[in-house]
Amino acid sequence: MNSFLFELPSQVPDGNFLPCDGEVFYHGAVFQASEADRYYSELFNHIEWMHDEAVIFGKRIVTSRKVAWYGDAGYRYRYSGTEKRALPWIPALLELRTRVQAISGVAYNSCLLNLYHSGEEGMGWHSDDETTLRRDAAIASLSFGAERKFAFRHKTTKETVALVLEHGSLLMMQGATQRHWRHALPKSKKVKAPRINLTFRSIAG
């Protein structure tokens, strides 16, 4: 059952939102509201959005949400039976990468973007543990637009924790998180506005 056992408070003493087996740090909003609004508009209007595709039990599925993949030197990213070649960075993405790298102290060579048009679109339980990603590398997740609940579920104990991601916020997933936890963006009929999510990643060269 995909119920949430509890919601995490806005602050945790040691900063780590996971109770064990991984590290997740929520920095909250790292942009001023006007700056976050500007980036949301820039990304919404200028990213080369496409409907995502996945191969599930041999059947090709086209999703309602849209995605885009950007990065250095045409990196390829494989997941759910499909492969994407990275588009060249646009100025707004380079600015955002620079900001995230300064906060996290980690370098990233690629970015996967998701556009959820409303709360009717979400993402099921999964881990970002594809073989093309560097093992245990940090993943920086930026959110713009509608606030959405984001959840983690332990692969063994099934313990579940969740938090709400704000407009202009940064979430860091690192360490053993992807090996021991799955995460999801639950659907919500109450959310009517779009949300854009950027996950800066490190593809193995």
Protein backbone atom coordinates (compact mmCIF):
# COMPACT_ATOMS: atom_id res chain seq x y z
CA MET A 1 0.00 0.00 0.00
CA ASN A 2 1.46 3.35 -1.06
CA SER A 3 0.35 5.30 2.00
CA PHE A 4 2.57 7.84 3.72
CA LEU A 5 3.52 6.83 7.25
CA PHE A 6 4.39 10.37 8.25
CA GLU A 7 5.47 13.69 6.84
CA LEU A 8 8.82 15.13 7.73
CA PRO A 9 9.05 18.47 9.53
CA SER A 10 10.51 21.43 7.70
CA GLN A 11 13.77 21.05 9.65
CA VAL A 12 15.56 17.90 10.82
CA PRO A 13 18.38 18.29 13.40
CA ASP A 14 21.15 16.69 11.33
CA GLY A 15 19.71 17.94 8.04
CA ASN A 16 19.23 14.44 6.59
CA PHE A 17 15.59 13.64 5.80
CA LEU A 18 16.18 9.90 5.53
CA PRO A 19 16.18 7.85 8.75
CA CYS A 20 18.81 5.43 7.40
CA ASP A 21 20.65 4.05 4.36
CA GLY A 22 21.07 7.28 2.41
CA GLU A 23 21.30 11.04 2.46
CA VAL A 24 18.65 13.54 1.33
CA PHE A 25 19.05 17.24 2.10
CA TYR A 26 16.33 19.77 1.43
CA HIS A 27 17.62 23.33 1.10
CA GLY A 28 14.19 24.90 0.60
CA ALA A 29 13.83 27.84 -1.78
CA VAL A 30 17.27 28.89 -3.04
CA PHE A 31 15.90 31.60 -5.37
CA GLN A 32 14.01 34.78 -4.69
CA ALA A 33 10.38 34.50 -5.84
CA SER A 34 10.89 36.85 -8.79
CA GLU A 35 14.00 34.96 -9.88
CA ALA A 36 12.20 31.61 -9.61
CA ASP A 37 9.32 33.02 -11.67
CA ARG A 38 11.76 34.15 -14.36
CA TYR A 39 13.43 30.75 -14.60
CA TYR A 40 10.07 28.98 -14.67
CA SER A 41 8.96 31.09 -17.64
CA GLU A 42 12.29 30.65 -19.41
CA LEU A 43 12.24 26.87 -19.04
CA PHE A 44 8.57 26.49 -19.88
CA ASN A 45 8.92 28.45 -23.12
CA HIS A 46 12.41 27.58 -24.37
CA ILE A 47 13.19 23.99 -23.40
CA GLU A 48 12.69 21.47 -26.24
CA TRP A 49 9.97 19.51 -24.47
CA MET A 50 8.86 16.12 -25.78
CA HIS A 51 6.48 13.49 -24.44
CA ASP A 52 8.42 10.80 -22.60
CA GLU A 53 8.45 7.20 -23.78
CA ALA A 54 9.00 4.00 -21.83
CA VAL A 55 8.99 0.31 -22.68
CA ILE A 56 7.02 -1.64 -20.07
CA PHE A 57 6.63 -5.42 -20.50
CA GLY A 58 7.56 -4.99 -24.14
CA LYS A 59 4.95 -2.32 -24.80
CA ARG A 60 5.94 1.26 -25.67
CA ILE A 61 4.12 3.82 -23.52
CA VAL A 62 3.93 7.57 -24.26
CA THR A 63 3.45 9.68 -21.13
CA SER A 64 1.38 12.84 -20.67
CA ARG A 65 4.25 14.61 -18.95
CA LYS A 66 7.04 16.00 -21.10
CA VAL A 67 10.79 15.63 -20.72
CA ALA A 68 14.05 17.01 -22.07
CA TRP A 69 17.68 15.91 -21.72
CA TYR A 70 20.61 18.33 -21.83
CA GLY A 71 24.29 17.84 -21.17
CA ASP A 72 27.94 17.91 -22.17
CA ALA A 73 29.19 16.42 -25.43
CA GLY A 74 26.07 14.51 -26.45
CA TYR A 75 25.92 12.17 -23.48
CA ARG A 76 23.42 9.35 -23.84
CA TYR A 77 20.98 8.45 -21.07
CA ARG A 78 19.21 5.08 -21.00
CA TYR A 79 16.18 4.29 -18.84
CA SER A 80 12.88 2.40 -19.11
CA GLY A 81 14.00 0.76 -22.33
CA THR A 82 14.64 4.04 -24.15
CA GLU A 83 17.70 6.15 -24.90
CA LYS A 84 18.14 9.91 -25.13
CA ARG A 85 21.04 11.93 -26.52
CA ALA A 86 21.77 15.14 -24.65
CA LEU A 87 20.94 18.46 -26.28
CA PRO A 88 23.48 21.30 -25.91
CA TRP A 89 23.07 23.49 -22.84
CA ILE A 90 21.05 26.70 -23.13
CA PRO A 91 22.08 29.80 -21.10
CA ALA A 92 19.38 29.39 -18.45
CA LEU A 93 20.43 25.80 -17.74
CA LEU A 94 24.09 26.79 -17.50
CA GLU A 95 23.15 29.49 -14.99
CA LEU A 96 21.15 27.02 -12.93
CA ARG A 97 23.91 24.42 -13.05
CA THR A 98 26.41 27.01 -11.82
CA ARG A 99 24.11 27.93 -8.92
CA VAL A 100 23.51 24.30 -7.93
CA GLN A 101 27.19 23.41 -8.17
CA ALA A 102 28.06 26.34 -5.90
CA ILE A 103 25.55 25.18 -3.28
CA SER A 104 26.30 21.46 -3.46
CA GLY A 105 30.04 21.52 -4.15
CA VAL A 106 29.46 18.85 -6.82
CA ALA A 107 30.03 19.06 -10.59
CA TYR A 108 27.29 17.84 -12.97
CA ASN A 109 27.55 17.02 -16.67
CA SER A 110 23.88 16.56 -17.57
CA CYS A 111 20.31 17.48 -16.65
CA LEU A 112 17.01 15.64 -17.08
CA LEU A 113 13.96 17.92 -17.03
CA ASN A 114 10.32 16.96 -16.45
CA LEU A 115 7.25 19.08 -17.13
CA TYR A 116 4.12 18.07 -15.20
CA HIS A 117 1.16 20.03 -16.55
CA SER A 118 -0.90 19.55 -13.38
CA GLY A 119 -1.29 17.26 -10.39
CA GLU A 120 -2.97 14.75 -12.70
CA GLU A 121 0.55 13.85 -13.87
CA GLY A 122 3.07 12.24 -11.55
CA MET A 123 5.87 9.71 -11.31
CA GLY A 124 5.65 6.23 -9.82
CA TRP A 125 8.12 4.58 -7.47
CA HIS A 126 11.60 4.28 -8.94
CA SER A 127 15.31 4.75 -8.24
CA ASP A 128 17.77 6.75 -10.31
CA ASP A 129 20.22 3.85 -10.46
CA GLU A 130 20.75 3.39 -14.20
CA THR A 131 24.13 1.99 -15.20
CA THR A 132 24.93 5.17 -17.15
CA LEU A 133 24.93 7.17 -13.88
CA ARG A 134 27.98 7.25 -11.64
CA ARG A 135 27.44 5.01 -8.63
CA ASP A 136 26.27 6.90 -5.53
CA ALA A 137 26.81 10.23 -7.28
CA ALA A 138 24.82 13.18 -5.95
CA ILE A 139 21.67 14.21 -7.84
CA ALA A 140 20.50 17.81 -7.45
CA SER A 141 16.77 18.36 -7.96
CA LEU A 142 15.40 21.86 -8.63
CA SER A 143 11.65 22.57 -8.60
CA PHE A 144 9.82 25.48 -10.25
CA GLY A 145 6.08 26.10 -10.35
CA ALA A 146 3.42 24.29 -8.36
CA GLU A 147 4.31 22.86 -4.97
CA ARG A 148 4.17 19.05 -5.01
CA LYS A 149 4.56 16.26 -2.49
CA PHE A 150 7.68 14.12 -2.99
CA ALA A 151 8.03 10.75 -1.26
CA PHE A 152 10.69 8.16 -0.45
CA ARG A 153 10.08 4.47 0.30
CA HIS A 154 12.74 2.10 1.63
CA LYS A 155 13.23 -0.92 -0.64
CA THR A 156 13.43 -3.40 2.25
CA THR A 157 11.51 -2.01 5.22
CA LYS A 158 8.91 -0.16 3.10
CA GLU A 159 9.16 2.80 5.50
CA THR A 160 7.88 5.91 3.74
CA VAL A 161 8.62 9.59 4.29
CA ALA A 162 7.46 12.62 2.33
CA LEU A 163 7.93 16.37 2.04
CA VAL A 164 6.55 19.22 -0.07
CA LEU A 165 8.87 20.77 -2.67
CA GLU A 166 8.51 24.54 -2.97
CA HIS A 167 8.80 26.85 -5.97
CA GLY A 168 12.50 27.55 -6.53
CA SER A 169 13.67 24.86 -4.10
CA LEU A 170 16.65 22.49 -4.15
CA LEU A 171 16.69 18.86 -2.97
CA MET A 172 19.91 16.82 -2.84
CA MET A 173 19.93 13.01 -3.06
CA GLN A 174 23.31 11.40 -2.44
CA GLY A 175 25.28 8.57 -0.90
CA ALA A 176 23.50 5.20 -0.87
CA THR A 177 20.03 6.72 -1.38
CA GLN A 178 19.37 5.23 -4.82
CA ARG A 179 20.53 1.77 -3.70
CA HIS A 180 18.17 1.60 -0.72
CA TRP A 181 15.26 3.94 -1.48
CA ARG A 182 12.74 4.54 -4.24
CA HIS A 183 11.09 7.94 -4.72
CA ALA A 184 7.87 9.12 -6.33
CA LEU A 185 5.85 12.20 -7.22
CA PRO A 186 2.28 11.25 -6.21
CA LYS A 187 -0.62 12.53 -8.30
CA SER A 188 -2.94 15.10 -6.77
CA LYS A 189 -6.23 16.36 -8.18
CA LYS A 190 -5.89 19.48 -6.01
CA VAL A 191 -2.88 20.75 -7.96
CA LYS A 192 -3.96 22.59 -11.11
CA ALA A 193 -0.76 24.43 -12.10
CA PRO A 194 2.32 23.05 -13.90
CA ARG A 195 5.58 22.09 -12.23
CA ILE A 196 9.03 21.89 -13.81
CA ASN A 197 11.67 19.67 -12.24
CA LEU A 198 15.35 19.61 -13.14
CA THR A 199 17.66 16.83 -11.95
CA PHE A 200 21.33 17.58 -12.47
CA ARG A 201 23.28 14.34 -12.79
CA SER A 202 26.71 12.84 -13.41
CA ILE A 203 26.87 10.46 -16.36
CA ALA A 204 29.83 8.09 -16.34
CA GLY A 205 32.23 9.04 -19.13
